[in-house]
Amino acid sequence: MILSSIRDNALALALFALITALLLSSVNNLTRDRIAQAERLAAQSALLEVVPSELHDNDMLLDTQPIPSQFWSLLGLENGGNVHIARYNNDPIAVIIPTISPEGYSGDIAMLVGVNVDGSVAGVRVVKHRETPGLGDKIELRKNLWILDFNGRSLSNTPRQKWAVKKAGGDFDQFTGATITPRAVINQLVNTLTYFDQDNERLFALEQTPKRQDK
C-alpha cells in the first residue's frame, strides 16, 4: 500500500515536471521569437531613418558585408561589424556604416552613418550614448536638428579643418555648455568617411547578398 502510494506520487511529480517543462519551453520559444522580431524592427527602423525606403528597393538588413579587421579601430569597433548596402534596381546607391566614438563626455557614442556613392553623407543617427541630458543629448534628432547639418557633406566638399565646431574655426555649431560631445561626433564622422574612401570600391563591387530562402 505504501509502495503503491509512493509510486503514484512519483509518477504524478514526474508528469507535473514534464508538463511544466513543456510549458516553459513553449513560452520561451514564443518570447524569443517576439524579441527577435522586435529587435529586427528596431534595427530596420534605424536603417530607414538614414536611407528612407523610397530611395532603395532591397532589404538592407540582409544585404550586408563584413568590415575588414584592419578598419575596426578606425571605426571604433572592438568586435567588427557589417556595412549595410542600399540598392535600387540592384545598383548600390549608399552604404550604412556602424561607427563608435570613444571620445564622448560620458563614454562611447554609437552611430549609424549613411554615405552615398559619391562620398557625401546621406544621414547620421546616434543609436546609443550616455551624454548629459539637456546638454550633450542634443546629438539625438528627437532633441535637436543639429545632426542633420552633416547631410551632403563629404571630405571633398568640406576641407578637413572645417570638420570642427565653430569655436575652433569649423563649420558646425557647438552646444552651450557641451563642446566635447559634438566634437566627438564630428571627429568620428571624419574617421568614418575616411574608411569609406578606402573601402568603397570593394563594397560597391560586391554583388547583392543572397536573400534567405523560406523553407
N, C-alpha and C. Protein backbone atom coordinates (compact mmCIF):
# COMPACT_ATOMS: atom_id res chain seq x y z
N MET A 1 0.82 -1.20 0.00
CA MET A 1 0.00 0.00 0.00
C MET A 1 0.86 1.26 0.00
N ILE A 2 1.88 1.25 0.90
CA ILE A 2 2.80 2.39 0.98
C ILE A 2 3.61 2.52 -0.30
N LEU A 3 4.10 1.38 -0.81
CA LEU A 3 4.89 1.41 -2.05
C LEU A 3 4.05 1.92 -3.22
N SER A 4 2.80 1.50 -3.25
CA SER A 4 1.91 1.95 -4.32
C SER A 4 1.68 3.45 -4.25
N SER A 5 1.52 3.97 -3.02
CA SER A 5 1.32 5.40 -2.85
C SER A 5 2.55 6.19 -3.27
N ILE A 6 3.72 5.67 -2.90
CA ILE A 6 4.98 6.33 -3.28
C ILE A 6 5.13 6.36 -4.80
N ARG A 7 4.79 5.19 -5.43
CA ARG A 7 4.91 5.11 -6.89
C ARG A 7 3.97 6.08 -7.57
N ASP A 8 2.75 6.17 -7.05
CA ASP A 8 1.76 7.09 -7.64
C ASP A 8 2.21 8.54 -7.49
N ASN A 9 2.75 8.87 -6.33
CA ASN A 9 3.23 10.24 -6.10
C ASN A 9 4.40 10.57 -7.02
N ALA A 10 5.30 9.61 -7.19
CA ALA A 10 6.46 9.81 -8.05
C ALA A 10 6.03 10.04 -9.50
N LEU A 11 5.05 9.24 -9.95
CA LEU A 11 4.55 9.40 -11.31
C LEU A 11 3.86 10.76 -11.48
N ALA A 12 3.13 11.16 -10.45
CA ALA A 12 2.44 12.45 -10.52
C ALA A 12 3.44 13.59 -10.59
N LEU A 13 4.49 13.50 -9.79
CA LEU A 13 5.54 14.53 -9.80
C LEU A 13 6.26 14.57 -11.14
N ALA A 14 6.55 13.38 -11.70
CA ALA A 14 7.23 13.32 -12.99
C ALA A 14 6.36 13.94 -14.08
N LEU A 15 5.05 13.62 -14.04
CA LEU A 15 4.13 14.17 -15.03
C LEU A 15 4.04 15.69 -14.89
N PHE A 16 3.99 16.17 -13.64
CA PHE A 16 3.92 17.61 -13.39
C PHE A 16 5.18 18.30 -13.91
N ALA A 17 6.34 17.67 -13.66
CA ALA A 17 7.61 18.25 -14.12
C ALA A 17 7.66 18.31 -15.64
N LEU A 18 7.15 17.24 -16.29
CA LEU A 18 7.15 17.19 -17.76
C LEU A 18 6.25 18.29 -18.33
N ILE A 19 5.07 18.43 -17.77
CA ILE A 19 4.13 19.46 -18.25
C ILE A 19 4.71 20.85 -18.05
N THR A 20 5.32 21.07 -16.87
CA THR A 20 5.93 22.37 -16.58
C THR A 20 7.05 22.69 -17.56
N ALA A 21 7.89 21.67 -17.83
CA ALA A 21 9.00 21.87 -18.77
C ALA A 21 8.49 22.22 -20.17
N LEU A 22 7.42 21.53 -20.59
CA LEU A 22 6.85 21.80 -21.91
C LEU A 22 6.26 23.20 -21.99
N LEU A 23 5.59 23.62 -20.92
CA LEU A 23 5.02 24.97 -20.89
C LEU A 23 6.10 26.04 -20.91
N LEU A 24 7.15 25.84 -20.12
CA LEU A 24 8.26 26.80 -20.08
C LEU A 24 8.95 26.88 -21.43
N SER A 25 9.11 25.71 -22.08
CA SER A 25 9.77 25.70 -23.39
C SER A 25 8.93 26.46 -24.42
N SER A 26 7.61 26.26 -24.37
CA SER A 26 6.73 26.95 -25.32
C SER A 26 6.75 28.45 -25.10
N VAL A 27 6.69 28.86 -23.82
CA VAL A 27 6.73 30.29 -23.50
C VAL A 27 8.06 30.90 -23.93
N ASN A 28 9.16 30.16 -23.69
CA ASN A 28 10.49 30.65 -24.06
C ASN A 28 10.61 30.83 -25.56
N ASN A 29 10.11 29.85 -26.33
CA ASN A 29 10.18 29.96 -27.79
C ASN A 29 9.36 31.12 -28.30
N LEU A 30 8.16 31.29 -27.73
CA LEU A 30 7.29 32.38 -28.15
C LEU A 30 7.92 33.73 -27.82
N THR A 31 8.48 33.84 -26.60
CA THR A 31 9.12 35.09 -26.18
C THR A 31 10.35 35.38 -27.03
N ARG A 32 11.16 34.36 -27.30
CA ARG A 32 12.36 34.54 -28.11
C ARG A 32 12.02 35.05 -29.50
N ASP A 33 10.99 34.47 -30.11
CA ASP A 33 10.59 34.90 -31.45
C ASP A 33 10.11 36.35 -31.44
N ARG A 34 9.36 36.71 -30.40
CA ARG A 34 8.86 38.09 -30.31
C ARG A 34 10.00 39.07 -30.10
N ILE A 35 10.96 38.69 -29.26
CA ILE A 35 12.11 39.56 -29.01
C ILE A 35 12.92 39.74 -30.29
N ALA A 36 13.15 38.63 -31.01
CA ALA A 36 13.91 38.70 -32.26
C ALA A 36 13.21 39.59 -33.29
N GLN A 37 11.88 39.47 -33.36
CA GLN A 37 11.12 40.30 -34.29
C GLN A 37 11.20 41.77 -33.90
N ALA A 38 11.10 42.04 -32.59
CA ALA A 38 11.19 43.42 -32.11
C ALA A 38 12.57 44.01 -32.40
N GLU A 39 13.61 43.20 -32.21
CA GLU A 39 14.97 43.67 -32.49
C GLU A 39 15.15 43.95 -33.98
N ARG A 40 14.57 43.09 -34.82
CA ARG A 40 14.66 43.29 -36.27
C ARG A 40 13.97 44.58 -36.69
N LEU A 41 12.77 44.81 -36.14
CA LEU A 41 12.02 46.02 -36.48
C LEU A 41 12.75 47.27 -36.02
N ALA A 42 13.39 47.20 -34.84
CA ALA A 42 14.14 48.34 -34.33
C ALA A 42 15.35 48.63 -35.21
N ALA A 43 16.06 47.57 -35.61
CA ALA A 43 17.22 47.74 -36.48
C ALA A 43 16.80 48.28 -37.83
N GLN A 44 15.70 47.76 -38.37
CA GLN A 44 15.20 48.22 -39.66
C GLN A 44 14.79 49.68 -39.60
N SER A 45 14.15 50.07 -38.51
CA SER A 45 13.72 51.45 -38.33
C SER A 45 14.92 52.39 -38.31
N ALA A 46 15.98 51.99 -37.62
CA ALA A 46 17.19 52.82 -37.55
C ALA A 46 17.82 52.98 -38.94
N LEU A 47 17.88 51.91 -39.70
CA LEU A 47 18.46 51.98 -41.05
C LEU A 47 17.62 52.87 -41.95
N LEU A 48 16.29 52.77 -41.83
CA LEU A 48 15.41 53.54 -42.69
C LEU A 48 15.43 55.03 -42.35
N GLU A 49 15.84 55.38 -41.15
CA GLU A 49 16.00 56.79 -40.82
C GLU A 49 17.17 57.39 -41.58
N VAL A 50 18.17 56.58 -41.86
CA VAL A 50 19.37 57.05 -42.57
C VAL A 50 19.15 57.04 -44.07
N VAL A 51 18.62 55.94 -44.59
CA VAL A 51 18.30 55.83 -46.02
C VAL A 51 16.83 55.41 -46.12
N PRO A 52 15.91 56.36 -46.38
CA PRO A 52 14.47 56.07 -46.40
C PRO A 52 14.09 55.02 -47.44
N SER A 53 12.98 54.37 -47.20
CA SER A 53 12.54 53.27 -48.05
C SER A 53 12.32 53.67 -49.50
N GLU A 54 11.91 54.92 -49.75
CA GLU A 54 11.65 55.32 -51.14
C GLU A 54 12.92 55.44 -51.98
N LEU A 55 14.08 55.38 -51.34
CA LEU A 55 15.34 55.54 -52.07
C LEU A 55 15.99 54.20 -52.44
N HIS A 56 15.46 53.10 -51.91
CA HIS A 56 16.06 51.80 -52.22
C HIS A 56 14.97 50.75 -52.30
N ASP A 57 15.29 49.60 -52.89
CA ASP A 57 14.29 48.54 -53.02
C ASP A 57 14.80 47.19 -52.55
N ASN A 58 15.88 47.17 -51.80
CA ASN A 58 16.39 45.91 -51.25
C ASN A 58 16.20 45.90 -49.74
N ASP A 59 16.45 44.74 -49.14
CA ASP A 59 16.39 44.61 -47.68
C ASP A 59 17.78 44.87 -47.12
N MET A 60 17.97 46.05 -46.57
CA MET A 60 19.30 46.42 -46.08
C MET A 60 19.73 45.59 -44.88
N LEU A 61 18.77 45.01 -44.16
CA LEU A 61 19.14 44.16 -43.04
C LEU A 61 19.85 42.89 -43.50
N LEU A 62 19.47 42.41 -44.68
CA LEU A 62 20.08 41.19 -45.22
C LEU A 62 21.26 41.47 -46.13
N ASP A 63 21.25 42.62 -46.79
CA ASP A 63 22.31 42.95 -47.75
C ASP A 63 23.47 43.62 -47.00
N THR A 64 24.37 42.81 -46.51
CA THR A 64 25.47 43.31 -45.68
C THR A 64 26.80 42.73 -46.12
N GLN A 65 27.86 43.42 -45.73
CA GLN A 65 29.22 42.93 -45.94
C GLN A 65 30.03 43.21 -44.68
N PRO A 66 30.82 42.22 -44.23
CA PRO A 66 31.62 42.43 -43.02
C PRO A 66 32.71 43.47 -43.24
N ILE A 67 32.99 44.23 -42.19
CA ILE A 67 34.05 45.24 -42.24
C ILE A 67 35.40 44.56 -42.00
N PRO A 68 36.35 44.71 -42.90
CA PRO A 68 37.67 44.09 -42.71
C PRO A 68 38.31 44.54 -41.39
N SER A 69 39.00 43.64 -40.75
CA SER A 69 39.52 43.88 -39.40
C SER A 69 40.49 45.06 -39.34
N GLN A 70 41.17 45.38 -40.45
CA GLN A 70 42.13 46.49 -40.41
C GLN A 70 41.45 47.85 -40.22
N PHE A 71 40.11 47.88 -40.38
CA PHE A 71 39.38 49.14 -40.22
C PHE A 71 38.63 49.24 -38.89
N TRP A 72 38.67 48.19 -38.10
CA TRP A 72 37.89 48.19 -36.86
C TRP A 72 38.27 49.34 -35.93
N SER A 73 39.56 49.54 -35.75
CA SER A 73 40.00 50.59 -34.81
C SER A 73 39.61 51.98 -35.31
N LEU A 74 39.67 52.19 -36.61
CA LEU A 74 39.29 53.48 -37.19
C LEU A 74 37.82 53.79 -36.92
N LEU A 75 37.00 52.74 -36.96
CA LEU A 75 35.57 52.90 -36.75
C LEU A 75 35.17 52.72 -35.28
N GLY A 76 36.13 52.45 -34.43
CA GLY A 76 35.85 52.28 -33.01
C GLY A 76 35.16 50.98 -32.67
N LEU A 77 35.32 49.97 -33.51
CA LEU A 77 34.63 48.69 -33.33
C LEU A 77 35.58 47.65 -32.75
N GLU A 78 35.29 47.14 -31.58
CA GLU A 78 36.16 46.15 -30.96
C GLU A 78 35.97 44.77 -31.57
N ASN A 79 34.75 44.44 -31.96
CA ASN A 79 34.45 43.10 -32.47
C ASN A 79 33.94 43.11 -33.90
N GLY A 80 34.29 44.13 -34.63
CA GLY A 80 33.87 44.20 -36.02
C GLY A 80 32.42 44.60 -36.18
N GLY A 81 31.92 44.44 -37.39
CA GLY A 81 30.55 44.81 -37.70
C GLY A 81 30.29 44.65 -39.18
N ASN A 82 29.09 44.98 -39.60
CA ASN A 82 28.70 44.85 -41.00
C ASN A 82 28.29 46.19 -41.58
N VAL A 83 28.65 46.39 -42.84
CA VAL A 83 28.16 47.53 -43.61
C VAL A 83 26.87 47.10 -44.29
N HIS A 84 25.83 47.90 -44.16
CA HIS A 84 24.57 47.64 -44.84
C HIS A 84 24.56 48.40 -46.16
N ILE A 85 24.16 47.73 -47.22
CA ILE A 85 24.19 48.33 -48.55
C ILE A 85 22.77 48.59 -49.04
N ALA A 86 22.52 49.82 -49.48
CA ALA A 86 21.22 50.20 -50.05
C ALA A 86 21.34 50.16 -51.57
N ARG A 87 20.38 49.50 -52.23
CA ARG A 87 20.41 49.37 -53.69
C ARG A 87 19.05 49.77 -54.28
N TYR A 88 19.13 50.19 -55.52
CA TYR A 88 17.91 50.45 -56.29
C TYR A 88 18.11 49.81 -57.66
N ASN A 89 17.18 48.92 -58.01
CA ASN A 89 17.34 48.13 -59.25
C ASN A 89 18.68 47.41 -59.26
N ASN A 90 19.08 46.93 -58.08
CA ASN A 90 20.31 46.17 -57.87
C ASN A 90 21.59 47.00 -57.94
N ASP A 91 21.46 48.30 -58.22
CA ASP A 91 22.63 49.17 -58.23
C ASP A 91 22.82 49.80 -56.84
N PRO A 92 24.03 49.73 -56.28
CA PRO A 92 24.25 50.34 -54.98
C PRO A 92 24.10 51.86 -55.04
N ILE A 93 23.41 52.41 -54.06
CA ILE A 93 23.24 53.87 -54.02
C ILE A 93 23.87 54.47 -52.76
N ALA A 94 24.03 53.64 -51.74
CA ALA A 94 24.59 54.14 -50.48
C ALA A 94 24.97 52.97 -49.59
N VAL A 95 25.76 53.26 -48.58
CA VAL A 95 26.07 52.27 -47.55
C VAL A 95 25.76 52.88 -46.19
N ILE A 96 25.48 52.03 -45.24
CA ILE A 96 25.28 52.48 -43.86
C ILE A 96 26.33 51.80 -42.99
N ILE A 97 27.12 52.61 -42.33
CA ILE A 97 28.29 52.12 -41.62
C ILE A 97 28.12 52.31 -40.11
N PRO A 98 28.29 51.25 -39.31
CA PRO A 98 28.27 51.41 -37.86
C PRO A 98 29.61 51.99 -37.40
N THR A 99 29.56 52.92 -36.49
CA THR A 99 30.80 53.55 -36.03
C THR A 99 30.61 54.03 -34.60
N ILE A 100 31.68 54.02 -33.82
CA ILE A 100 31.60 54.39 -32.41
C ILE A 100 32.70 55.36 -32.06
N SER A 101 32.32 56.50 -31.49
CA SER A 101 33.32 57.44 -30.98
C SER A 101 33.58 57.14 -29.51
N PRO A 102 34.85 56.96 -29.13
CA PRO A 102 35.18 56.74 -27.72
C PRO A 102 35.41 58.06 -26.97
N GLU A 103 35.17 59.19 -27.66
CA GLU A 103 35.55 60.49 -27.11
C GLU A 103 34.39 61.26 -26.49
N GLY A 104 33.25 60.61 -26.31
CA GLY A 104 32.11 61.29 -25.70
C GLY A 104 32.41 61.74 -24.28
N TYR A 105 31.68 62.71 -23.81
CA TYR A 105 31.89 63.24 -22.46
C TYR A 105 31.63 62.17 -21.40
N SER A 106 30.63 61.31 -21.66
CA SER A 106 30.26 60.28 -20.68
C SER A 106 30.47 58.86 -21.20
N GLY A 107 31.25 58.72 -22.25
CA GLY A 107 31.51 57.38 -22.78
C GLY A 107 31.32 57.30 -24.28
N ASP A 108 31.16 56.09 -24.75
CA ASP A 108 31.05 55.84 -26.19
C ASP A 108 29.77 56.44 -26.77
N ILE A 109 29.90 56.90 -28.02
CA ILE A 109 28.74 57.37 -28.78
C ILE A 109 28.65 56.50 -30.04
N ALA A 110 27.61 55.67 -30.10
CA ALA A 110 27.44 54.76 -31.23
C ALA A 110 26.53 55.40 -32.28
N MET A 111 26.94 55.29 -33.54
CA MET A 111 26.19 55.94 -34.62
C MET A 111 26.04 55.01 -35.82
N LEU A 112 25.08 55.33 -36.65
CA LEU A 112 24.96 54.78 -37.99
C LEU A 112 25.18 55.93 -38.96
N VAL A 113 26.10 55.75 -39.89
CA VAL A 113 26.42 56.81 -40.85
C VAL A 113 26.13 56.31 -42.27
N GLY A 114 25.20 56.98 -42.94
CA GLY A 114 24.92 56.65 -44.32
C GLY A 114 25.80 57.49 -45.24
N VAL A 115 26.39 56.83 -46.23
CA VAL A 115 27.27 57.52 -47.17
C VAL A 115 26.82 57.18 -48.59
N ASN A 116 26.55 58.20 -49.39
CA ASN A 116 26.15 58.00 -50.78
C ASN A 116 27.33 57.54 -51.62
N VAL A 117 27.05 57.07 -52.83
CA VAL A 117 28.11 56.57 -53.70
C VAL A 117 29.14 57.65 -54.04
N ASP A 118 28.75 58.93 -53.98
CA ASP A 118 29.69 60.00 -54.28
C ASP A 118 30.52 60.42 -53.07
N GLY A 119 30.33 59.72 -51.94
CA GLY A 119 31.11 60.02 -50.76
C GLY A 119 30.50 61.05 -49.84
N SER A 120 29.32 61.55 -50.17
CA SER A 120 28.65 62.54 -49.32
C SER A 120 27.80 61.84 -48.26
N VAL A 121 27.58 62.52 -47.17
CA VAL A 121 26.80 61.95 -46.07
C VAL A 121 25.32 61.91 -46.45
N ALA A 122 24.74 60.71 -46.37
CA ALA A 122 23.31 60.54 -46.63
C ALA A 122 22.50 60.82 -45.36
N GLY A 123 23.09 60.55 -44.24
CA GLY A 123 22.41 60.78 -42.97
C GLY A 123 23.21 60.20 -41.82
N VAL A 124 23.00 60.73 -40.65
CA VAL A 124 23.68 60.26 -39.44
C VAL A 124 22.64 60.13 -38.34
N ARG A 125 22.69 59.02 -37.61
CA ARG A 125 21.83 58.86 -36.45
C ARG A 125 22.65 58.29 -35.29
N VAL A 126 22.49 58.89 -34.14
CA VAL A 126 23.10 58.37 -32.92
C VAL A 126 22.16 57.31 -32.36
N VAL A 127 22.68 56.10 -32.16
CA VAL A 127 21.82 54.99 -31.71
C VAL A 127 22.04 54.65 -30.24
N LYS A 128 23.15 55.10 -29.66
CA LYS A 128 23.39 54.82 -28.25
C LYS A 128 24.41 55.81 -27.70
N HIS A 129 24.13 56.34 -26.52
CA HIS A 129 25.07 57.26 -25.87
C HIS A 129 24.67 57.43 -24.42
N ARG A 130 25.55 58.08 -23.64
CA ARG A 130 25.26 58.38 -22.24
C ARG A 130 25.58 59.84 -21.93
N GLU A 131 25.42 60.70 -22.92
CA GLU A 131 25.74 62.10 -22.73
C GLU A 131 24.73 62.80 -21.81
N THR A 132 25.13 63.93 -21.28
CA THR A 132 24.34 64.63 -20.26
C THR A 132 22.99 65.10 -20.81
N PRO A 133 21.89 64.71 -20.16
CA PRO A 133 20.56 65.18 -20.59
C PRO A 133 20.49 66.71 -20.57
N GLY A 134 19.93 67.27 -21.64
CA GLY A 134 19.79 68.71 -21.72
C GLY A 134 21.00 69.42 -22.29
N LEU A 135 22.10 68.69 -22.41
CA LEU A 135 23.33 69.28 -22.97
C LEU A 135 23.82 68.41 -24.14
N GLY A 136 24.54 67.36 -23.81
CA GLY A 136 25.10 66.50 -24.86
C GLY A 136 24.09 65.69 -25.61
N ASP A 137 22.89 65.49 -25.04
CA ASP A 137 21.91 64.66 -25.73
C ASP A 137 21.28 65.35 -26.94
N LYS A 138 21.72 66.55 -27.26
CA LYS A 138 21.23 67.24 -28.46
C LYS A 138 21.75 66.59 -29.74
N ILE A 139 22.60 65.59 -29.60
CA ILE A 139 23.03 64.82 -30.78
C ILE A 139 21.92 63.90 -31.25
N GLU A 140 20.87 63.72 -30.45
CA GLU A 140 19.71 62.93 -30.87
C GLU A 140 18.79 63.80 -31.72
N LEU A 141 18.31 63.25 -32.82
CA LEU A 141 17.43 64.01 -33.71
C LEU A 141 16.15 64.42 -33.02
N ARG A 142 15.63 63.59 -32.12
CA ARG A 142 14.37 63.94 -31.46
C ARG A 142 14.55 65.08 -30.46
N LYS A 143 15.80 65.43 -30.14
CA LYS A 143 16.06 66.53 -29.22
C LYS A 143 16.50 67.80 -29.95
N ASN A 144 17.12 67.63 -31.12
CA ASN A 144 17.69 68.78 -31.82
C ASN A 144 17.95 68.40 -33.27
N LEU A 145 17.92 69.37 -34.18
CA LEU A 145 18.17 69.11 -35.60
C LEU A 145 19.65 69.17 -35.97
N TRP A 146 20.51 69.33 -34.98
CA TRP A 146 21.95 69.51 -35.23
C TRP A 146 22.55 68.40 -36.10
N ILE A 147 22.15 67.16 -35.87
CA ILE A 147 22.74 66.02 -36.57
C ILE A 147 22.49 66.08 -38.08
N LEU A 148 21.47 66.86 -38.52
CA LEU A 148 21.16 66.97 -39.94
C LEU A 148 22.14 67.87 -40.69
N ASP A 149 22.94 68.64 -39.95
CA ASP A 149 23.88 69.56 -40.60
C ASP A 149 24.97 68.84 -41.40
N PHE A 150 25.12 67.54 -41.16
CA PHE A 150 26.16 66.79 -41.88
C PHE A 150 25.69 66.28 -43.24
N ASN A 151 24.38 66.28 -43.46
CA ASN A 151 23.85 65.76 -44.72
C ASN A 151 24.45 66.50 -45.91
N GLY A 152 24.94 65.74 -46.88
CA GLY A 152 25.52 66.33 -48.08
C GLY A 152 26.99 66.68 -47.96
N ARG A 153 27.52 66.63 -46.76
CA ARG A 153 28.94 66.94 -46.57
C ARG A 153 29.81 65.75 -46.97
N SER A 154 31.02 66.04 -47.41
CA SER A 154 31.96 64.99 -47.74
C SER A 154 33.38 65.50 -47.49
N LEU A 155 34.34 64.62 -47.57
CA LEU A 155 35.73 65.02 -47.40
C LEU A 155 36.22 65.85 -48.57
N SER A 156 35.51 65.77 -49.71
CA SER A 156 35.93 66.54 -50.88
C SER A 156 35.29 67.93 -50.93
N ASN A 157 34.09 68.08 -50.37
CA ASN A 157 33.46 69.41 -50.43
C ASN A 157 33.60 70.21 -49.13
N THR A 158 34.18 69.59 -48.12
CA THR A 158 34.41 70.29 -46.85
C THR A 158 35.85 70.04 -46.42
N PRO A 159 36.71 71.08 -46.43
CA PRO A 159 38.11 70.92 -46.04
C PRO A 159 38.24 70.32 -44.65
N ARG A 160 39.31 69.58 -44.44
CA ARG A 160 39.50 68.89 -43.15
C ARG A 160 39.43 69.86 -41.98
N GLN A 161 39.98 71.06 -42.08
CA GLN A 161 39.98 71.99 -40.95
C GLN A 161 38.59 72.50 -40.62
N LYS A 162 37.64 72.34 -41.57
CA LYS A 162 36.29 72.80 -41.32
C LYS A 162 35.43 71.73 -40.62
N TRP A 163 35.98 70.52 -40.49
CA TRP A 163 35.30 69.48 -39.73
C TRP A 163 35.60 69.69 -38.24
N ALA A 164 35.01 70.73 -37.70
CA ALA A 164 35.21 71.11 -36.30
C ALA A 164 34.07 72.01 -35.88
N VAL A 165 33.96 72.26 -34.57
CA VAL A 165 32.95 73.20 -34.09
C VAL A 165 33.39 74.62 -34.44
N LYS A 166 32.44 75.53 -34.47
CA LYS A 166 32.72 76.90 -34.92
C LYS A 166 33.73 77.61 -34.03
N LYS A 167 33.72 77.32 -32.74
CA LYS A 167 34.66 78.00 -31.85
C LYS A 167 36.10 77.58 -32.13
N ALA A 168 36.26 76.46 -32.87
CA ALA A 168 37.60 76.00 -33.27
C ALA A 168 37.86 76.29 -34.74
N GLY A 169 37.01 77.15 -35.36
CA GLY A 169 37.21 77.51 -36.75
C GLY A 169 36.51 76.62 -37.74
N GLY A 170 35.66 75.73 -37.25
CA GLY A 170 34.96 74.80 -38.14
C GLY A 170 33.61 75.30 -38.59
N ASP A 171 32.86 74.41 -39.24
CA ASP A 171 31.56 74.76 -39.82
C ASP A 171 30.36 74.39 -38.95
N PHE A 172 30.59 73.68 -37.85
CA PHE A 172 29.46 73.09 -37.13
C PHE A 172 29.27 73.73 -35.74
N ASP A 173 28.00 73.90 -35.39
CA ASP A 173 27.67 74.51 -34.11
C ASP A 173 28.13 73.62 -32.95
N GLN A 174 28.52 74.26 -31.86
CA GLN A 174 28.72 73.55 -30.62
C GLN A 174 27.48 73.73 -29.76
N PHE A 175 27.37 72.97 -28.68
CA PHE A 175 26.25 73.12 -27.77
C PHE A 175 26.68 74.00 -26.60
N THR A 176 25.79 74.83 -26.15
CA THR A 176 26.10 75.66 -24.99
C THR A 176 26.40 74.77 -23.79
N GLY A 177 27.58 74.89 -23.26
CA GLY A 177 27.98 74.10 -22.11
C GLY A 177 28.42 72.69 -22.43
N ALA A 178 28.49 72.35 -23.72
CA ALA A 178 28.88 70.97 -24.10
C ALA A 178 29.58 70.99 -25.45
N THR A 179 30.89 71.15 -25.41
CA THR A 179 31.67 71.15 -26.65
C THR A 179 32.25 69.78 -26.96
N ILE A 180 32.52 69.01 -25.90
CA ILE A 180 33.17 67.70 -26.09
C ILE A 180 32.30 66.77 -26.92
N THR A 181 31.00 66.76 -26.65
CA THR A 181 30.11 65.83 -27.35
C THR A 181 30.05 66.07 -28.85
N PRO A 182 29.76 67.29 -29.33
CA PRO A 182 29.73 67.49 -30.78
C PRO A 182 31.09 67.27 -31.43
N ARG A 183 32.15 67.61 -30.72
CA ARG A 183 33.49 67.38 -31.27
C ARG A 183 33.75 65.89 -31.45
N ALA A 184 33.28 65.07 -30.51
CA ALA A 184 33.45 63.62 -30.61
C ALA A 184 32.72 63.07 -31.83
N VAL A 185 31.50 63.57 -32.06
CA VAL A 185 30.72 63.11 -33.22
C VAL A 185 31.41 63.52 -34.52
N ILE A 186 31.84 64.76 -34.59
CA ILE A 186 32.49 65.28 -35.81
C ILE A 186 33.75 64.48 -36.14
N ASN A 187 34.59 64.27 -35.13
CA ASN A 187 35.84 63.53 -35.36
C ASN A 187 35.57 62.11 -35.86
N GLN A 188 34.54 61.47 -35.30
CA GLN A 188 34.25 60.10 -35.72
C GLN A 188 33.63 60.06 -37.11
N LEU A 189 32.92 61.10 -37.48
CA LEU A 189 32.41 61.17 -38.85
C LEU A 189 33.55 61.25 -39.85
N VAL A 190 34.57 62.02 -39.52
CA VAL A 190 35.74 62.09 -40.40
C VAL A 190 36.38 60.71 -40.53
N ASN A 191 36.50 59.99 -39.41
CA ASN A 191 37.06 58.64 -39.45
C ASN A 191 36.22 57.72 -40.32
N THR A 192 34.91 57.86 -40.22
CA THR A 192 34.01 57.00 -40.98
C THR A 192 34.08 57.29 -42.47
N LEU A 193 34.14 58.56 -42.84
CA LEU A 193 34.28 58.93 -44.25
C LEU A 193 35.65 58.51 -44.79
N THR A 194 36.66 58.54 -43.93
CA THR A 194 37.99 58.07 -44.32
C THR A 194 37.94 56.58 -44.62
N TYR A 195 37.26 55.83 -43.76
CA TYR A 195 37.08 54.40 -44.03
C TYR A 195 36.37 54.18 -45.36
N PHE A 196 35.29 54.93 -45.60
CA PHE A 196 34.54 54.77 -46.84
C PHE A 196 35.44 55.01 -48.06
N ASP A 197 36.26 56.05 -48.01
CA ASP A 197 37.16 56.34 -49.13
C ASP A 197 38.11 55.19 -49.41
N GLN A 198 38.47 54.46 -48.36
CA GLN A 198 39.45 53.39 -48.53
C GLN A 198 38.83 52.04 -48.89
N ASP A 199 37.53 51.89 -48.65
CA ASP A 199 36.91 50.57 -48.86
C ASP A 199 35.73 50.59 -49.81
N ASN A 200 35.36 51.76 -50.35
CA ASN A 200 34.13 51.84 -51.14
C ASN A 200 34.19 51.04 -52.44
N GLU A 201 35.35 50.99 -53.08
CA GLU A 201 35.44 50.23 -54.34
C GLU A 201 35.13 48.76 -54.10
N ARG A 202 35.64 48.20 -53.03
CA ARG A 202 35.35 46.80 -52.71
C ARG A 202 33.87 46.60 -52.41
N LEU A 203 33.30 47.50 -51.60
CA LEU A 203 31.90 47.38 -51.21
C LEU A 203 30.97 47.46 -52.41
N PHE A 204 31.21 48.40 -53.29
CA PHE A 204 30.32 48.60 -54.43
C PHE A 204 30.55 47.58 -55.55
N ALA A 205 31.67 46.88 -55.48
CA ALA A 205 31.94 45.85 -56.48
C ALA A 205 31.28 44.53 -56.11
N LEU A 206 30.88 44.39 -54.85
CA LEU A 206 30.29 43.14 -54.38
C LEU A 206 28.84 43.03 -54.82
N GLU A 207 28.44 41.82 -55.18
CA GLU A 207 27.06 41.59 -55.58
C GLU A 207 26.16 41.55 -54.35
N GLN A 208 24.88 41.68 -54.59
CA GLN A 208 23.91 41.69 -53.51
C GLN A 208 23.96 40.38 -52.75
N THR A 209 23.91 40.49 -51.42
CA THR A 209 23.87 39.30 -50.58
C THR A 209 22.62 38.49 -50.91
N PRO A 210 22.76 37.17 -51.18
CA PRO A 210 21.57 36.38 -51.49
C PRO A 210 20.54 36.45 -50.37
N LYS A 211 19.27 36.54 -50.75
CA LYS A 211 18.21 36.60 -49.76
C LYS A 211 17.98 35.21 -49.18
N ARG A 212 17.59 35.19 -47.88
CA ARG A 212 17.27 33.92 -47.24
C ARG A 212 16.09 33.27 -47.93
N GLN A 213 16.17 32.00 -48.13
CA GLN A 213 15.08 31.27 -48.75
C GLN A 213 14.17 30.68 -47.67
N ASP A 214 12.87 30.85 -47.82
CA ASP A 214 11.92 30.27 -46.89
C ASP A 214 11.87 28.76 -47.10
N LYS A 215 11.88 28.06 -46.01
CA LYS A 215 11.85 26.60 -46.11
C LYS A 215 10.44 26.06 -45.84
